[in-house]
Amino acid sequence: MEEATAAVQKMERDLGTSFPMVIATFDPKQDRNAVLPLEQIRSYPTSIMLDHEGNVVKIHTGFYGPSTKEYEAYVKETREELEALVAKANG
């Protein structure tokens, strides 16, 4: 759990987020839907983006860390999506 928490905290710093993040489960024996009942979660990590009203606007499954070719595009796209959600919330 310490390793998972550190990874989430690093992602928060890298993306410059200030909203709560959830680690749904770390134990492979635990039913993931018992913790966070979303049928679209098929594997971890899964990021769930919510709007200011709590509606799910995007679900991303998979890992794009700094050593992957998708990383820069993923960070850019995620940052743009989050900025758009914040702008919409601030009307």
N, C-alpha and C. Protein backbone atom coordinates (compact mmCIF):
# COMPACT_ATOMS: atom_id res chain seq x y z
N MET A 1 0.82 -1.19 0.00
CA MET A 1 0.00 0.00 0.00
C MET A 1 0.87 1.26 0.00
N GLU A 2 2.02 1.21 0.69
CA GLU A 2 2.91 2.37 0.71
C GLU A 2 3.39 2.72 -0.69
N GLU A 3 3.74 1.70 -1.47
CA GLU A 3 4.21 1.91 -2.84
C GLU A 3 3.10 2.51 -3.72
N ALA A 4 1.88 1.99 -3.57
CA ALA A 4 0.75 2.50 -4.35
C ALA A 4 0.45 3.95 -3.97
N THR A 5 0.49 4.24 -2.68
CA THR A 5 0.24 5.61 -2.22
C THR A 5 1.30 6.56 -2.75
N ALA A 6 2.55 6.15 -2.72
CA ALA A 6 3.64 6.99 -3.24
C ALA A 6 3.45 7.25 -4.73
N ALA A 7 3.02 6.23 -5.48
CA ALA A 7 2.80 6.40 -6.92
C ALA A 7 1.67 7.39 -7.20
N VAL A 8 0.59 7.31 -6.43
CA VAL A 8 -0.52 8.24 -6.60
C VAL A 8 -0.09 9.65 -6.23
N GLN A 9 0.65 9.79 -5.16
CA GLN A 9 1.13 11.12 -4.75
C GLN A 9 2.05 11.72 -5.81
N LYS A 10 2.89 10.90 -6.42
CA LYS A 10 3.77 11.37 -7.49
C LYS A 10 2.93 11.84 -8.68
N MET A 11 1.89 11.07 -9.03
CA MET A 11 1.03 11.46 -10.14
C MET A 11 0.34 12.79 -9.83
N GLU A 12 -0.10 12.97 -8.60
CA GLU A 12 -0.71 14.24 -8.20
C GLU A 12 0.26 15.40 -8.40
N ARG A 13 1.51 15.20 -7.97
CA ARG A 13 2.53 16.26 -8.13
C ARG A 13 2.82 16.51 -9.61
N ASP A 14 3.00 15.44 -10.38
CA ASP A 14 3.31 15.57 -11.81
C ASP A 14 2.22 16.29 -12.58
N LEU A 15 0.96 16.00 -12.24
CA LEU A 15 -0.17 16.61 -12.94
C LEU A 15 -0.61 17.92 -12.30
N GLY A 16 -0.09 18.21 -11.12
CA GLY A 16 -0.46 19.45 -10.43
C GLY A 16 -1.90 19.45 -9.98
N THR A 17 -2.41 18.30 -9.55
CA THR A 17 -3.81 18.20 -9.14
C THR A 17 -3.98 18.62 -7.69
N SER A 18 -5.20 18.98 -7.34
CA SER A 18 -5.50 19.34 -5.95
C SER A 18 -6.80 18.69 -5.49
N PHE A 19 -7.24 17.65 -6.18
CA PHE A 19 -8.49 16.99 -5.82
C PHE A 19 -8.20 15.62 -5.22
N PRO A 20 -9.16 15.07 -4.49
CA PRO A 20 -8.93 13.76 -3.85
C PRO A 20 -8.75 12.64 -4.88
N MET A 21 -7.90 11.70 -4.55
CA MET A 21 -7.71 10.50 -5.37
C MET A 21 -7.94 9.30 -4.47
N VAL A 22 -8.43 8.21 -5.07
CA VAL A 22 -8.78 7.01 -4.31
C VAL A 22 -7.95 5.84 -4.82
N ILE A 23 -7.42 5.08 -3.89
CA ILE A 23 -6.83 3.79 -4.23
C ILE A 23 -7.89 2.78 -3.80
N ALA A 24 -8.57 2.18 -4.79
CA ALA A 24 -9.73 1.35 -4.49
C ALA A 24 -9.35 0.06 -3.79
N THR A 25 -8.29 -0.57 -4.20
CA THR A 25 -7.87 -1.81 -3.54
C THR A 25 -6.42 -2.09 -3.88
N PHE A 26 -5.76 -2.76 -2.99
CA PHE A 26 -4.39 -3.17 -3.23
C PHE A 26 -4.28 -4.68 -3.14
N ASP A 27 -5.26 -5.31 -2.51
CA ASP A 27 -5.27 -6.74 -2.29
C ASP A 27 -5.95 -7.46 -3.45
N PRO A 28 -5.22 -8.31 -4.21
CA PRO A 28 -5.84 -8.98 -5.36
C PRO A 28 -6.97 -9.92 -4.97
N LYS A 29 -7.08 -10.29 -3.71
CA LYS A 29 -8.17 -11.15 -3.25
C LYS A 29 -9.45 -10.36 -2.98
N GLN A 30 -9.33 -9.05 -2.87
CA GLN A 30 -10.47 -8.21 -2.55
C GLN A 30 -11.28 -7.93 -3.81
N ASP A 31 -12.57 -7.97 -3.69
CA ASP A 31 -13.46 -7.64 -4.81
C ASP A 31 -13.41 -6.13 -5.05
N ARG A 32 -12.88 -5.73 -6.21
CA ARG A 32 -12.72 -4.29 -6.49
C ARG A 32 -14.05 -3.56 -6.50
N ASN A 33 -15.14 -4.23 -6.86
CA ASN A 33 -16.44 -3.57 -6.89
C ASN A 33 -17.04 -3.39 -5.50
N ALA A 34 -16.52 -4.09 -4.51
CA ALA A 34 -16.99 -3.89 -3.15
C ALA A 34 -16.49 -2.56 -2.60
N VAL A 35 -15.36 -2.09 -3.10
CA VAL A 35 -14.78 -0.84 -2.64
C VAL A 35 -15.28 0.33 -3.48
N LEU A 36 -15.26 0.17 -4.78
CA LEU A 36 -15.66 1.23 -5.70
C LEU A 36 -16.48 0.58 -6.82
N PRO A 37 -17.80 0.54 -6.66
CA PRO A 37 -18.63 -0.24 -7.59
C PRO A 37 -18.84 0.43 -8.95
N LEU A 38 -17.84 0.32 -9.80
CA LEU A 38 -17.94 0.82 -11.16
C LEU A 38 -17.63 -0.34 -12.10
N GLU A 39 -18.59 -0.73 -12.87
CA GLU A 39 -18.43 -1.89 -13.74
C GLU A 39 -17.34 -1.70 -14.79
N GLN A 40 -17.01 -0.44 -15.16
CA GLN A 40 -16.03 -0.22 -16.22
C GLN A 40 -14.59 -0.43 -15.76
N ILE A 41 -14.37 -0.61 -14.49
CA ILE A 41 -13.01 -0.84 -14.02
C ILE A 41 -12.66 -2.29 -14.28
N ARG A 42 -11.72 -2.49 -15.18
CA ARG A 42 -11.32 -3.84 -15.55
C ARG A 42 -9.92 -4.17 -15.04
N SER A 43 -9.12 -3.15 -14.79
CA SER A 43 -7.76 -3.37 -14.30
C SER A 43 -7.28 -2.10 -13.62
N TYR A 44 -6.10 -2.19 -13.05
CA TYR A 44 -5.53 -1.06 -12.34
C TYR A 44 -4.21 -0.67 -12.98
N PRO A 45 -3.83 0.57 -12.97
CA PRO A 45 -4.57 1.68 -12.41
C PRO A 45 -5.71 2.13 -13.32
N THR A 46 -6.75 2.62 -12.72
CA THR A 46 -7.87 3.22 -13.43
C THR A 46 -8.09 4.60 -12.86
N SER A 47 -8.15 5.60 -13.74
CA SER A 47 -8.43 6.98 -13.32
C SER A 47 -9.85 7.31 -13.72
N ILE A 48 -10.59 7.90 -12.80
CA ILE A 48 -11.96 8.29 -13.05
C ILE A 48 -12.04 9.80 -12.91
N MET A 49 -12.37 10.48 -13.98
CA MET A 49 -12.45 11.93 -13.97
C MET A 49 -13.92 12.33 -13.77
N LEU A 50 -14.15 13.18 -12.78
CA LEU A 50 -15.50 13.65 -12.46
C LEU A 50 -15.61 15.14 -12.73
N ASP A 51 -16.81 15.57 -13.09
CA ASP A 51 -17.04 17.01 -13.20
C ASP A 51 -17.39 17.57 -11.83
N HIS A 52 -17.65 18.87 -11.76
CA HIS A 52 -17.91 19.51 -10.48
C HIS A 52 -19.22 19.07 -9.83
N GLU A 53 -20.06 18.38 -10.59
CA GLU A 53 -21.32 17.88 -10.04
C GLU A 53 -21.21 16.40 -9.64
N GLY A 54 -20.02 15.82 -9.82
CA GLY A 54 -19.80 14.43 -9.44
C GLY A 54 -20.12 13.42 -10.52
N ASN A 55 -20.38 13.88 -11.75
CA ASN A 55 -20.66 12.99 -12.87
C ASN A 55 -19.36 12.46 -13.46
N VAL A 56 -19.32 11.19 -13.79
CA VAL A 56 -18.15 10.60 -14.43
C VAL A 56 -18.09 11.11 -15.86
N VAL A 57 -16.97 11.76 -16.22
CA VAL A 57 -16.81 12.27 -17.58
C VAL A 57 -15.79 11.47 -18.38
N LYS A 58 -14.92 10.74 -17.68
CA LYS A 58 -13.93 9.94 -18.38
C LYS A 58 -13.38 8.87 -17.45
N ILE A 59 -13.15 7.70 -18.02
CA ILE A 59 -12.49 6.62 -17.29
C ILE A 59 -11.30 6.19 -18.12
N HIS A 60 -10.13 6.24 -17.52
CA HIS A 60 -8.90 5.82 -18.21
C HIS A 60 -8.29 4.65 -17.45
N THR A 61 -8.06 3.56 -18.14
CA THR A 61 -7.44 2.40 -17.54
C THR A 61 -6.07 2.18 -18.17
N GLY A 62 -5.08 2.01 -17.33
CA GLY A 62 -3.74 1.74 -17.83
C GLY A 62 -2.72 2.68 -17.22
N PHE A 63 -1.47 2.34 -17.43
CA PHE A 63 -0.37 3.10 -16.87
C PHE A 63 0.48 3.69 -17.98
N TYR A 64 0.65 5.00 -17.93
CA TYR A 64 1.54 5.69 -18.85
C TYR A 64 2.54 6.48 -18.02
N GLY A 65 3.58 5.81 -17.56
CA GLY A 65 4.60 6.45 -16.75
C GLY A 65 5.66 7.11 -17.61
N PRO A 66 6.58 7.83 -16.97
CA PRO A 66 7.62 8.57 -17.69
C PRO A 66 8.45 7.74 -18.66
N SER A 67 8.53 6.45 -18.44
CA SER A 67 9.34 5.62 -19.34
C SER A 67 8.55 5.07 -20.52
N THR A 68 7.27 5.43 -20.62
CA THR A 68 6.46 4.94 -21.75
C THR A 68 6.38 6.01 -22.83
N LYS A 69 6.19 5.58 -24.06
CA LYS A 69 6.11 6.53 -25.18
C LYS A 69 4.85 7.37 -25.13
N GLU A 70 3.82 6.91 -24.42
CA GLU A 70 2.54 7.64 -24.33
C GLU A 70 2.53 8.71 -23.25
N TYR A 71 3.54 8.73 -22.41
CA TYR A 71 3.53 9.57 -21.20
C TYR A 71 3.26 11.05 -21.48
N GLU A 72 4.06 11.65 -22.33
CA GLU A 72 3.93 13.09 -22.56
C GLU A 72 2.55 13.46 -23.11
N ALA A 73 2.06 12.68 -24.06
CA ALA A 73 0.74 12.94 -24.63
C ALA A 73 -0.34 12.74 -23.57
N TYR A 74 -0.18 11.71 -22.75
CA TYR A 74 -1.16 11.44 -21.69
C TYR A 74 -1.21 12.59 -20.69
N VAL A 75 -0.05 13.07 -20.25
CA VAL A 75 -0.01 14.18 -19.29
C VAL A 75 -0.62 15.43 -19.92
N LYS A 76 -0.27 15.73 -21.16
CA LYS A 76 -0.81 16.91 -21.84
C LYS A 76 -2.33 16.82 -21.97
N GLU A 77 -2.82 15.68 -22.44
CA GLU A 77 -4.26 15.51 -22.63
C GLU A 77 -5.01 15.57 -21.29
N THR A 78 -4.46 14.92 -20.29
CA THR A 78 -5.10 14.92 -18.98
C THR A 78 -5.14 16.32 -18.39
N ARG A 79 -4.04 17.04 -18.51
CA ARG A 79 -3.99 18.41 -18.00
C ARG A 79 -5.04 19.29 -18.70
N GLU A 80 -5.14 19.17 -20.02
CA GLU A 80 -6.12 19.95 -20.78
C GLU A 80 -7.55 19.62 -20.36
N GLU A 81 -7.82 18.33 -20.17
CA GLU A 81 -9.17 17.91 -19.76
C GLU A 81 -9.50 18.45 -18.36
N LEU A 82 -8.54 18.36 -17.45
CA LEU A 82 -8.77 18.87 -16.10
C LEU A 82 -8.96 20.38 -16.10
N GLU A 83 -8.15 21.09 -16.88
CA GLU A 83 -8.29 22.54 -16.95
C GLU A 83 -9.67 22.92 -17.51
N ALA A 84 -10.14 22.18 -18.51
CA ALA A 84 -11.46 22.45 -19.09
C ALA A 84 -12.56 22.20 -18.05
N LEU A 85 -12.42 21.15 -17.28
CA LEU A 85 -13.42 20.87 -16.23
C LEU A 85 -13.42 21.96 -15.17
N VAL A 86 -12.25 22.42 -14.77
CA VAL A 86 -12.16 23.48 -13.77
C VAL A 86 -12.77 24.77 -14.33
N ALA A 87 -12.45 25.10 -15.58
CA ALA A 87 -13.00 26.30 -16.21
C ALA A 87 -14.54 26.23 -16.26
N LYS A 88 -15.05 25.09 -16.62
CA LYS A 88 -16.51 24.91 -16.68
C LYS A 88 -17.13 25.05 -15.30
N ALA A 89 -16.48 24.50 -14.29
CA ALA A 89 -16.99 24.59 -12.93
C ALA A 89 -16.99 26.03 -12.42
N ASN A 90 -16.00 26.80 -12.87
CA ASN A 90 -15.89 28.19 -12.42
C ASN A 90 -16.73 29.14 -13.27
N GLY A 91 -17.39 28.55 -14.31
CA GLY A 91 -18.33 29.23 -15.16
C GLY A 91 -17.88 30.50 -15.75
